[in-house]
């Protein structure tokens, strides 16, 4: 691979990554908005400690996601300073924040769905 083709590949990869990141952020924002909207909808209808835990888990997930995004922007700035070195460490960092955020969001969403379904049964 020549230096020019390597630079083009790096630029194309960064552009693709930015597009994917923008799409993911949009989907995640809509998802969190839906979770919190459902939480607010259920607030007056459901009297259960599970509603508190569902909100807490989704809020923790959102906090982890925001922490990841901040870390990602710092990492991206550093990588641009060093000229595009996204390597194994980034994926470890991604997994450290993203995986727990997804697991917490899934747990919170499952509790919200459970509470919603229980409320429908009453």
C-alpha atoms as a PDB file:
ATOM      1  CA  UNK A   1       0.000   0.000   0.000  1.00  0.00           C
ATOM      2  CA  UNK A   2       1.468   3.313  -1.024  1.00  0.00           C
ATOM      3  CA  UNK A   3       1.523   6.286   1.305  1.00  0.00           C
ATOM      4  CA  UNK A   4      -1.065   8.113  -0.814  1.00  0.00           C
ATOM      5  CA  UNK A   5      -3.461   5.132  -0.867  1.00  0.00           C
ATOM      6  CA  UNK A   6      -2.962   4.650   2.879  1.00  0.00           C
ATOM      7  CA  UNK A   7      -3.852   8.294   3.528  1.00  0.00           C
ATOM      8  CA  UNK A   8      -6.938   7.989   1.289  1.00  0.00           C
ATOM      9  CA  UNK A   9      -7.993   4.799   3.072  1.00  0.00           C
ATOM     10  CA  UNK A  10      -7.533   6.513   6.435  1.00  0.00           C
ATOM     11  CA  UNK A  11      -9.587   9.526   5.321  1.00  0.00           C
ATOM     12  CA  UNK A  12     -12.350   7.289   3.922  1.00  0.00           C
ATOM     13  CA  UNK A  13     -12.375   5.228   7.129  1.00  0.00           C
ATOM     14  CA  UNK A  14     -12.655   8.343   9.284  1.00  0.00           C
ATOM     15  CA  UNK A  15     -15.504   9.681   7.131  1.00  0.00           C
ATOM     16  CA  UNK A  16     -17.320   6.349   7.362  1.00  0.00           C
ATOM     17  CA  UNK A  17     -16.770   6.195  11.120  1.00  0.00           C
ATOM     18  CA  UNK A  18     -18.187   9.715  11.533  1.00  0.00           C
ATOM     19  CA  UNK A  19     -21.292   8.763   9.520  1.00  0.00           C
ATOM     20  CA  UNK A  20     -21.845   5.590  11.549  1.00  0.00           C
ATOM     21  CA  UNK A  21     -21.279   7.471  14.804  1.00  0.00           C
ATOM     22  CA  UNK A  22     -23.799  10.156  13.811  1.00  0.00           C
ATOM     23  CA  UNK A  23     -26.415   7.512  12.935  1.00  0.00           C
ATOM     24  CA  UNK A  24     -25.789   5.615  16.193  1.00  0.00           C
ATOM     25  CA  UNK A  25     -26.068   8.804  18.260  1.00  0.00           C
ATOM     26  CA  UNK A  26     -29.408   9.598  16.625  1.00  0.00           C
ATOM     27  CA  UNK A  27     -30.792   6.115  17.278  1.00  0.00           C
ATOM     28  CA  UNK A  28     -29.505   6.110  20.864  1.00  0.00           C
ATOM     29  CA  UNK A  29     -30.967   9.567  21.543  1.00  0.00           C
ATOM     30  CA  UNK A  30     -34.376   8.452  20.267  1.00  0.00           C
ATOM     31  CA  UNK A  31     -34.106   5.309  22.387  1.00  0.00           C
ATOM     32  CA  UNK A  32     -33.296   7.207  25.582  1.00  0.00           C
ATOM     33  CA  UNK A  33     -36.069   9.688  24.824  1.00  0.00           C
ATOM     34  CA  UNK A  34     -38.515   6.817  24.461  1.00  0.00           C
ATOM     35  CA  UNK A  35     -37.386   5.221  27.738  1.00  0.00           C
ATOM     36  CA  UNK A  36     -37.705   8.464  29.688  1.00  0.00           C
ATOM     37  CA  UNK A  37     -41.024   9.275  28.006  1.00  0.00           C
ATOM     38  CA  UNK A  38     -42.388   5.896  29.074  1.00  0.00           C
ATOM     39  CA  UNK A  39     -40.982   6.459  32.556  1.00  0.00           C
ATOM     40  CA  UNK A  40     -42.818   9.789  32.828  1.00  0.00           C
ATOM     41  CA  UNK A  41     -45.992   8.214  31.444  1.00  0.00           C
ATOM     42  CA  UNK A  42     -45.886   5.486  34.099  1.00  0.00           C
ATOM     43  CA  UNK A  43     -44.917   7.786  36.971  1.00  0.00           C
ATOM     44  CA  UNK A  44     -48.484   8.559  38.073  1.00  0.00           C
ATOM     45  CA  UNK A  45     -49.950   5.207  37.028  1.00  0.00           C
ATOM     46  CA  UNK A  46     -47.561   2.782  38.714  1.00  0.00           C
ATOM     47  CA  UNK A  47     -46.629   2.787  42.377  1.00  0.00           C
ATOM     48  CA  UNK A  48     -43.692   0.407  42.523  1.00  0.00           C
ATOM     49  CA  UNK A  49     -40.065   0.504  43.540  1.00  0.00           C
ATOM     50  CA  UNK A  50     -39.301  -1.157  40.196  1.00  0.00           C
ATOM     51  CA  UNK A  51     -40.183   2.092  38.444  1.00  0.00           C
ATOM     52  CA  UNK A  52     -37.490   3.832  40.473  1.00  0.00           C
ATOM     53  CA  UNK A  53     -34.932   1.125  39.586  1.00  0.00           C
ATOM     54  CA  UNK A  54     -35.922   1.191  35.908  1.00  0.00           C
ATOM     55  CA  UNK A  55     -35.363   4.942  35.803  1.00  0.00           C
ATOM     56  CA  UNK A  56     -32.133   4.640  37.735  1.00  0.00           C
ATOM     57  CA  UNK A  57     -30.757   1.946  35.402  1.00  0.00           C
ATOM     58  CA  UNK A  58     -31.646   3.899  32.272  1.00  0.00           C
ATOM     59  CA  UNK A  59     -30.209   7.078  33.798  1.00  0.00           C
ATOM     60  CA  UNK A  60     -26.997   5.194  34.655  1.00  0.00           C
ATOM     61  CA  UNK A  61     -26.893   3.896  31.105  1.00  0.00           C
ATOM     62  CA  UNK A  62     -27.291   7.425  29.743  1.00  0.00           C
ATOM     63  CA  UNK A  63     -24.545   8.649  32.064  1.00  0.00           C
ATOM     64  CA  UNK A  64     -22.201   5.898  30.859  1.00  0.00           C
ATOM     65  CA  UNK A  65     -23.041   6.740  27.257  1.00  0.00           C
ATOM     66  CA  UNK A  66     -22.294  10.413  27.807  1.00  0.00           C
ATOM     67  CA  UNK A  67     -19.023   9.483  29.525  1.00  0.00           C
ATOM     68  CA  UNK A  68     -18.150   7.306  26.562  1.00  0.00           C
ATOM     69  CA  UNK A  69     -18.914  10.072  24.083  1.00  0.00           C
ATOM     70  CA  UNK A  70     -16.772  12.530  26.001  1.00  0.00           C
ATOM     71  CA  UNK A  71     -13.938  10.014  26.190  1.00  0.00           C
ATOM     72  CA  UNK A  72     -14.405   9.284  22.496  1.00  0.00           C
ATOM     73  CA  UNK A  73     -14.076  12.943  21.541  1.00  0.00           C
ATOM     74  CA  UNK A  74     -10.938  13.283  23.637  1.00  0.00           C
ATOM     75  CA  UNK A  75      -9.549  10.114  22.047  1.00  0.00           C
ATOM     76  CA  UNK A  76     -10.442  11.347  18.570  1.00  0.00           C
ATOM     77  CA  UNK A  77      -8.691  14.659  19.176  1.00  0.00           C
ATOM     78  CA  UNK A  78      -5.621  12.827  20.442  1.00  0.00           C
ATOM     79  CA  UNK A  79      -5.710  10.452  17.459  1.00  0.00           C
ATOM     80  CA  UNK A  80      -5.940  13.330  15.040  1.00  0.00           C
ATOM     81  CA  UNK A  81      -2.971  14.854  16.825  1.00  0.00           C
ATOM     82  CA  UNK A  82      -1.075  11.627  16.360  1.00  0.00           C
ATOM     83  CA  UNK A  83      -2.458  11.149  12.804  1.00  0.00           C
ATOM     84  CA  UNK A  84      -5.139   8.508  12.881  1.00  0.00           C
ATOM     85  CA  UNK A  85      -4.002   5.758  15.189  1.00  0.00           C
ATOM     86  CA  UNK A  86      -7.223   4.008  16.171  1.00  0.00           C
ATOM     87  CA  UNK A  87      -6.126   0.662  17.499  1.00  0.00           C
ATOM     88  CA  UNK A  88      -6.907  -2.091  19.999  1.00  0.00           C
ATOM     89  CA  UNK A  89      -7.049   0.280  22.978  1.00  0.00           C
ATOM     90  CA  UNK A  90     -10.002   2.134  21.464  1.00  0.00           C
ATOM     91  CA  UNK A  91     -12.014  -1.054  21.174  1.00  0.00           C
ATOM     92  CA  UNK A  92     -11.221  -1.976  24.783  1.00  0.00           C
ATOM     93  CA  UNK A  93     -12.316   1.505  25.846  1.00  0.00           C
ATOM     94  CA  UNK A  94     -15.450   1.194  23.703  1.00  0.00           C
ATOM     95  CA  UNK A  95     -16.301  -2.150  25.283  1.00  0.00           C
ATOM     96  CA  UNK A  96     -15.678  -0.829  28.802  1.00  0.00           C
ATOM     97  CA  UNK A  97     -18.292   1.915  28.387  1.00  0.00           C
ATOM     98  CA  UNK A  98     -20.619   0.663  25.667  1.00  0.00           C
ATOM     99  CA  UNK A  99     -21.293  -2.870  26.871  1.00  0.00           C
ATOM    100  CA  UNK A 100     -22.366  -1.900  30.421  1.00  0.00           C
ATOM    101  CA  UNK A 101     -24.399   1.010  29.022  1.00  0.00           C
ATOM    102  CA  UNK A 102     -26.288  -1.347  26.729  1.00  0.00           C
ATOM    103  CA  UNK A 103     -26.802  -3.923  29.488  1.00  0.00           C
ATOM    104  CA  UNK A 104     -28.103  -1.285  31.908  1.00  0.00           C
ATOM    105  CA  UNK A 105     -30.412   0.158  29.247  1.00  0.00           C
ATOM    106  CA  UNK A 106     -31.754  -3.288  28.402  1.00  0.00           C
ATOM    107  CA  UNK A 107     -32.380  -4.030  32.099  1.00  0.00           C
ATOM    108  CA  UNK A 108     -34.104  -0.664  32.584  1.00  0.00           C
ATOM    109  CA  UNK A 109     -36.154  -1.059  29.416  1.00  0.00           C
ATOM    110  CA  UNK A 110     -37.182  -4.570  30.458  1.00  0.00           C
ATOM    111  CA  UNK A 111     -38.369  -3.216  33.827  1.00  0.00           C
ATOM    112  CA  UNK A 112     -40.295  -0.413  32.111  1.00  0.00           C
ATOM    113  CA  UNK A 113     -41.954  -2.866  29.735  1.00  0.00           C
ATOM    114  CA  UNK A 114     -42.780  -5.177  32.648  1.00  0.00           C
ATOM    115  CA  UNK A 115     -44.311  -2.284  34.615  1.00  0.00           C
ATOM    116  CA  UNK A 116     -46.210  -1.107  31.565  1.00  0.00           C
ATOM    117  CA  UNK A 117     -47.631  -4.579  30.940  1.00  0.00           C
ATOM    118  CA  UNK A 118     -48.540  -4.986  34.630  1.00  0.00           C
ATOM    119  CA  UNK A 119     -50.297  -1.611  34.514  1.00  0.00           C
ATOM    120  CA  UNK A 120     -52.279  -2.722  31.463  1.00  0.00           C
ATOM    121  CA  UNK A 121     -53.399  -5.868  33.270  1.00  0.00           C
ATOM    122  CA  UNK A 122     -54.936  -3.832  36.133  1.00  0.00           C
END
